[in-house]
Protein backbone atom coordinates (compact mmCIF):
# COMPACT_ATOMS: atom_id res chain seq x y z
CA MET A 1 -0.12 0.22 0.12
CA GLN A 2 1.48 3.09 -0.96
CA GLN A 3 2.12 5.63 2.12
CA HIS A 4 1.62 9.15 2.02
CA LEU A 5 4.25 10.45 4.80
CA ALA A 6 4.35 14.35 5.90
CA LYS A 7 7.98 15.39 5.76
CA LYS A 8 10.43 17.69 7.37
CA ILE A 9 9.37 20.56 9.17
CA THR A 10 11.04 23.60 7.52
CA ILE A 11 9.89 27.05 9.66
CA ILE A 12 13.57 28.32 10.75
CA PHE A 13 12.77 31.73 9.26
CA PHE A 14 9.10 32.05 10.80
CA THR A 15 8.60 32.82 13.83
CA VAL A 16 4.63 34.72 14.25
CA ALA A 17 1.93 32.39 16.17
CA LEU A 18 4.92 29.52 15.75
CA ALA A 19 7.06 30.73 18.87
CA ALA A 20 5.04 30.44 20.98
CA CYS A 21 3.27 26.86 20.42
CA ALA A 22 5.90 24.85 22.03
CA SER A 23 8.74 26.77 24.11
CA ALA A 24 9.45 26.20 27.67
CA PRO A 25 6.92 28.29 30.17
CA LYS A 26 8.80 31.10 30.78
CA PHE A 27 8.26 32.15 27.10
CA ASP A 28 4.87 33.23 27.04
CA ALA A 29 2.75 34.28 24.29
CA LYS A 30 2.83 38.24 25.67
CA SER A 31 6.36 38.02 25.10
CA GLU A 32 6.41 36.24 21.85
CA ASP A 33 4.14 38.45 20.66
CA ALA A 34 5.93 41.63 21.28
CA ALA A 35 8.85 39.95 19.87
CA ASP A 36 8.10 39.08 16.82
CA ARG A 37 6.48 42.54 16.20
CA LEU A 38 9.96 44.16 17.17
CA TYR A 39 11.21 41.41 14.44
CA GLN A 40 8.89 42.68 11.91
CA ARG A 41 10.19 45.94 12.07
CA VAL A 42 13.84 45.03 11.83
CA GLN A 43 12.51 43.26 8.29
CA GLN A 44 10.99 46.59 7.35
CA HIS A 45 14.65 48.12 7.73
CA ASP A 46 13.40 50.00 11.03
CA GLU A 47 17.32 51.14 12.18
CA ALA A 48 15.44 52.23 15.64
CA ALA A 49 14.00 48.98 16.01
CA LEU A 50 17.29 46.97 15.28
CA LYS A 51 19.29 48.72 17.70
CA GLU A 52 16.35 48.48 20.03
CA LEU A 53 16.23 44.33 19.55
CA ARG A 54 20.56 44.44 19.67
CA GLN A 55 20.07 46.16 23.01
CA GLN A 56 17.77 43.58 24.38
CA ALA A 57 19.92 40.52 23.34
CA GLU A 58 23.01 42.12 24.89
CA GLN A 59 21.13 41.93 28.05
CA GLY A 60 20.54 38.80 27.83
CA ASP A 61 16.49 38.40 26.86
CA ALA A 62 16.91 34.88 25.06
CA LEU A 63 13.78 36.06 22.96
CA ALA A 64 15.92 38.94 21.19
CA GLN A 65 18.97 37.03 20.95
CA ASP A 66 16.92 34.47 18.79
CA ARG A 67 15.50 36.98 16.75
CA MET A 68 18.78 38.79 16.49
CA ALA A 69 20.01 35.17 14.96
CA LEU A 70 17.38 35.42 12.31
CA ALA A 71 18.35 38.76 11.35
CA TYR A 72 21.81 37.73 10.42
CA ILE A 73 20.48 34.52 8.67
CA GLN A 74 18.17 36.89 6.62
CA GLY A 75 20.18 39.75 6.40
CA ASN A 76 17.18 42.00 8.02
CA GLY A 77 19.54 45.26 8.61
CA VAL A 78 22.74 43.50 9.23
CA LYS A 79 25.15 41.57 6.90
CA GLN A 80 23.76 37.71 6.81
CA ASP A 81 27.01 36.21 9.11
CA TYR A 82 25.55 32.13 10.00
CA ALA A 83 28.69 32.74 12.56
CA GLN A 84 26.82 35.41 14.13
CA ALA A 85 23.55 33.70 14.07
CA PHE A 86 25.11 30.83 15.58
CA GLY A 87 26.41 32.56 18.66
CA TRP A 88 23.21 34.65 19.37
CA LEU A 89 21.13 31.18 18.75
CA LYS A 90 23.26 28.78 21.49
CA ARG A 91 23.24 31.71 23.75
CA ALA A 92 19.48 31.58 23.32
CA ALA A 93 19.08 28.09 23.74
CA GLY A 94 21.05 28.34 26.30
CA GLN A 95 18.73 29.79 28.72
CA GLY A 96 16.11 26.86 27.65
CA TYR A 97 14.31 28.68 24.09
CA SER A 98 13.22 25.55 22.09
CA TRP A 99 13.05 27.32 18.98
CA ALA A 100 16.85 28.70 19.18
CA ALA A 101 17.64 24.97 19.64
CA PHE A 102 15.29 23.78 17.02
CA ARG A 103 17.00 26.50 14.61
CA LEU A 104 20.42 24.96 15.66
CA GLY A 105 19.16 21.49 14.52
CA PHE A 106 17.99 23.16 11.36
CA LEU A 107 21.21 24.22 10.27
CA TYR A 108 22.98 21.68 11.16
CA GLU A 109 21.09 19.44 9.30
CA GLU A 110 20.34 21.64 6.20
CA GLY A 111 24.45 22.44 6.43
CA LEU A 112 23.40 26.33 6.84
CA GLY A 113 26.56 28.45 8.14
CA ALA A 114 28.16 24.74 9.06
CA PRO A 115 28.91 21.78 7.39
CA ARG A 116 25.95 19.14 7.21
CA ASP A 117 26.06 17.13 10.61
CA ALA A 118 23.26 14.84 11.67
CA ALA A 119 24.27 14.12 14.97
CA ARG A 120 24.66 17.55 15.91
CA ALA A 121 21.52 17.95 14.55
CA ARG A 122 19.74 15.18 16.35
CA ASP A 123 21.20 16.66 19.60
CA TRP A 124 20.05 20.41 18.60
CA TYR A 125 16.59 18.67 18.19
CA GLN A 126 16.39 16.85 20.85
CA ARG A 127 17.33 19.47 23.31
CA ALA A 128 14.16 21.61 22.28
CA ALA A 129 12.16 18.36 22.08
CA GLU A 130 12.90 17.63 25.70
CA LEU A 131 11.44 21.50 26.23
CA GLY A 132 8.40 20.67 24.90
CA ASN A 133 8.98 21.65 20.74
CA SER A 134 6.44 19.49 19.09
CA SER A 135 8.61 20.87 15.79
CA ALA A 136 11.55 19.43 16.51
CA ALA A 137 10.29 15.78 17.87
CA PHE A 138 8.83 15.74 14.32
CA ASN A 139 12.18 16.63 12.84
CA LEU A 140 14.47 14.57 15.08
CA ALA A 141 11.93 11.60 14.50
CA GLN A 142 12.04 12.33 10.45
CA LEU A 143 16.26 11.81 11.16
CA TYR A 144 16.09 8.71 12.79
CA LEU A 145 13.60 7.10 10.34
CA ASN A 146 15.30 8.48 7.04
CA GLY A 147 18.83 10.23 7.96
CA PRO A 148 21.91 9.15 7.30
CA GLU A 149 22.09 5.36 7.89
CA ALA A 150 24.59 4.89 10.44
CA GLY A 151 21.96 7.05 12.92
CA ARG A 152 18.78 5.29 11.84
CA ASP A 153 16.81 4.24 14.69
CA PRO A 154 12.70 3.53 13.74
CA ALA A 155 12.15 2.92 17.48
CA GLN A 156 13.27 6.20 18.23
CA ALA A 157 11.81 7.86 15.25
CA ALA A 158 8.43 6.50 16.35
CA ARG A 159 9.19 7.79 20.48
CA TRP A 160 9.52 11.27 18.75
CA PHE A 161 6.03 11.15 16.71
CA ARG A 162 4.28 9.86 19.30
CA GLN A 163 5.21 12.95 21.26
CA ALA A 164 4.61 15.54 18.78
CA ALA A 165 1.64 13.40 17.68
CA ARG A 166 0.07 13.72 21.07
CA ASP A 167 0.80 17.18 21.45
CA GLY A 168 -1.37 17.55 18.40
CA LEU A 169 0.70 17.42 15.32
CA ALA A 170 -1.22 16.66 12.35
CA ALA A 171 2.33 15.39 10.45
CA ALA A 172 3.73 13.45 13.16
CA GLN A 173 -0.21 12.06 14.02
CA LEU A 174 -0.25 10.95 10.03
CA ASN A 175 3.76 9.87 10.25
CA LEU A 176 3.12 7.77 13.29
CA GLY A 177 -0.39 6.48 11.79
CA SER A 178 2.28 4.89 8.87
CA LEU A 179 5.01 3.00 11.34
CA TYR A 180 1.85 1.37 13.02
CA GLU A 181 0.65 0.49 9.55
CA ASN A 182 4.15 -0.92 8.04
CA GLY A 183 5.44 -2.23 11.58
CA THR A 184 8.27 0.08 11.41
CA GLY A 185 9.91 0.62 14.50
CA VAL A 186 6.60 0.09 16.45
CA THR A 187 4.30 -4.06 16.00
CA LYS A 188 2.24 -3.58 13.38
CA ASP A 189 -1.34 -2.64 14.40
CA TYR A 190 -3.29 -1.87 11.85
CA ALA A 191 -6.20 -0.04 14.24
CA ALA A 192 -3.91 2.12 15.89
CA ALA A 193 -2.77 3.09 12.50
CA ALA A 194 -6.54 3.95 12.03
CA ARG A 195 -6.57 5.88 15.17
CA TRP A 196 -3.52 8.19 14.12
CA TYR A 197 -4.75 8.87 11.16
CA ARG A 198 -8.15 9.82 12.12
CA ALA A 199 -6.48 12.52 14.59
CA ALA A 200 -4.54 14.09 11.70
CA VAL A 201 -8.05 13.58 9.67
CA ALA A 202 -9.73 16.00 12.52
CA GLN A 203 -7.44 18.35 11.01
CA ASN A 204 -7.95 18.63 7.88
CA ASN A 205 -4.71 16.43 6.82
CA ALA A 206 -5.57 15.70 3.08
CA LYS A 207 -2.57 12.68 3.02
CA ALA A 208 -4.27 11.07 6.34
CA MET A 209 -7.62 11.50 4.27
CA LEU A 210 -6.05 8.73 1.64
CA SER A 211 -4.33 6.45 4.14
CA LEU A 212 -7.24 5.52 6.35
CA GLY A 213 -9.63 5.48 3.19
CA MET A 214 -7.03 2.88 1.95
CA LEU A 215 -7.88 1.07 5.45
CA TYR A 216 -11.15 1.33 4.90
CA GLU A 217 -11.62 0.04 1.63
CA ALA A 218 -9.26 -2.56 2.26
CA GLY A 219 -10.99 -3.59 5.87
CA GLN A 220 -7.86 -3.41 7.54
CA GLY A 221 -8.08 -2.22 11.29
CA VAL A 222 -11.45 -0.85 10.38
CA ALA A 223 -14.67 -2.39 9.67
CA LYS A 224 -14.46 -2.60 5.46
CA ASP A 225 -16.28 0.70 4.56
CA GLU A 226 -15.82 1.67 0.48
CA ALA A 227 -18.26 4.48 1.29
CA GLY A 228 -16.39 5.91 3.68
CA ALA A 229 -13.29 5.43 1.82
CA ARG A 230 -14.94 7.22 -1.31
CA GLU A 231 -15.82 9.54 1.01
CA LEU A 232 -12.64 10.16 2.28
CA TYR A 233 -10.65 10.57 -0.85
CA ARG A 234 -13.15 13.02 -2.09
CA ARG A 235 -12.34 15.48 0.78
CA ALA A 236 -8.24 14.80 -0.05
CA ALA A 237 -9.65 15.67 -3.74
CA ASP A 238 -11.29 18.52 -2.93
CA LEU A 239 -8.33 19.93 -0.97
CA GLY A 240 -6.49 19.46 -4.14
CA GLU A 241 -4.69 16.22 -3.53
CA ALA A 242 -4.12 14.45 -6.89
CA ARG A 243 -3.86 11.01 -5.65
CA GLY A 244 -7.64 11.39 -3.81
CA MET A 245 -8.27 12.11 -7.54
CA GLN A 246 -7.12 8.89 -8.55
CA LEU A 247 -8.03 6.78 -6.38
CA ILE A 248 -11.76 8.02 -6.96
CA GLY A 249 -11.18 6.98 -10.48
CA ARG A 250 -10.10 3.62 -9.44
CA LEU A 251 -13.48 3.42 -7.14
CA TYR A 252 -15.20 4.12 -10.20
CA GLU A 253 -13.45 1.84 -12.27
CA PHE A 254 -13.91 -1.30 -10.62
CA GLY A 255 -17.42 -0.63 -8.62
CA HIS A 256 -15.91 -1.15 -5.65
CA GLY A 257 -18.86 1.13 -2.94
CA VAL A 258 -20.03 2.86 -6.47
CA ALA A 259 -21.73 1.65 -9.28
CA GLN A 260 -19.12 0.72 -12.18
CA ASP A 261 -18.91 3.63 -14.31
CA ASN A 262 -15.83 4.10 -16.75
CA ALA A 263 -16.57 7.42 -18.29
CA THR A 264 -16.56 9.15 -14.17
CA ALA A 265 -13.44 7.00 -13.75
CA LEU A 266 -11.73 8.42 -16.66
CA GLU A 267 -12.97 11.65 -15.32
CA TRP A 268 -11.32 11.65 -12.25
CA TYR A 269 -7.82 10.10 -14.37
CA ARG A 270 -7.97 12.82 -16.08
CA LYS A 271 -8.60 15.56 -13.15
CA SER A 272 -5.54 13.65 -11.18
CA ALA A 273 -3.06 13.75 -14.21
CA ALA A 274 -3.88 17.27 -14.72
CA ALA A 275 -3.01 17.82 -11.06
CA GLY A 276 0.10 15.96 -11.47
CA ASN A 277 -0.21 12.48 -10.42
CA TRP A 278 1.67 10.12 -12.76
CA SER A 279 -0.37 7.03 -11.91
CA ALA A 280 -3.26 8.46 -13.09
CA ALA A 281 -1.62 9.64 -16.76
CA GLY A 282 -0.20 6.30 -16.91
CA ARG A 283 -3.73 4.23 -16.16
CA ILE A 284 -5.24 6.69 -19.11
CA SER A 285 -1.74 5.70 -21.43
CA ASN A 286 -2.57 2.14 -21.02
CA ALA A 287 -6.56 2.68 -21.77
CA TYR A 288 -5.67 3.95 -24.91
CA ARG A 289 -3.58 1.22 -25.76
CA PHE A 290 -5.85 -1.52 -24.85
CA GLY A 291 -9.26 0.15 -25.59
CA GLU A 292 -10.39 0.29 -22.26
CA LEU A 293 -12.52 2.90 -19.95
CA GLY A 294 -14.93 3.17 -23.06
CA LEU A 295 -12.08 4.39 -25.07
CA SER A 296 -10.68 3.26 -28.72
CA LYS A 297 -7.51 2.09 -29.20
CA ASP A 298 -5.14 5.12 -29.88
CA LYS A 299 -1.37 4.77 -30.74
CA LYS A 300 -1.12 8.87 -30.74
CA LEU A 301 -2.98 9.01 -27.92
CA GLU A 302 -1.46 6.44 -26.08
CA ASP A 303 2.36 7.79 -26.68
CA GLU A 304 0.60 11.23 -25.37
CA TRP A 305 -0.24 10.29 -22.03
CA TYR A 306 2.69 7.81 -22.03
CA GLN A 307 5.28 11.11 -22.57
CA LYS A 308 2.92 13.05 -19.79
CA TYR A 309 3.56 9.82 -17.16
CA ILE A 310 7.08 9.84 -17.35
CA GLN A 311 7.17 13.83 -17.45
CA LEU A 312 5.13 13.41 -13.81
CA GLN A 313 7.72 10.77 -12.39
CA LEU A 314 10.47 13.24 -12.96
CA GLN A 315 9.03 16.48 -11.79
């Protein structure tokens, strides 16, 4: 079964709204908002704001130190300087500010201002995660799952996805569900997979809709429910998920939970291909090759759709 995983969280440059959600308790929302407003002025090239931000940072304010680091990373009001950014982030992280530790992990993982270093990235992500930062827990799990071979540990990936999932991060709920579905780092458990997928679906996560729908269609961990699967695929399609469109087409092609209807199947396959799904383009190519889905054999159209199939795979 094709998996629909969420990828790494890359929010190093975003502070508004996000910065308050997972920091140590002493960094309250009011302080975060004030720091964000000041940094927004810095982004608008307000020299007085930059002077005020630097003064607060030098006086030991962890939030100001973090925003000074962002200024050096982005080159806002100052010349881009990763060495300065690292210095300010380490001072803020040393005071227990989880987003500074998160950003250090991200810089080391991406090789920004320093050589790529998965071990250091894991260390900083873990420090942030232990301070309650769910985004850091998510990225830490991703490193344990998909990082350099020497550091992979699926059980640790499951541990940190679980922490982020319990904190309500939909992407972590999706990925933890996938681990349970495949028995990666945990004992295979379709019912647990379905529970976590449902949690992500409740937050309107389109990929979780696909994964839960496929469990309904197969009757794995849940009662078989093809109509429920179609509804989930439709919700994902309405959110622009090309794979959802392709799966709806498949239901109509084979008459699973709906009356078999080649025309409707073809319509959904075309929508899916237009939205970037290579599998749907390949199905249309084959339909022209073998005269399926109500189409006549057509070598020219078979080749045209095959070229789309190849191009979409290369994107």
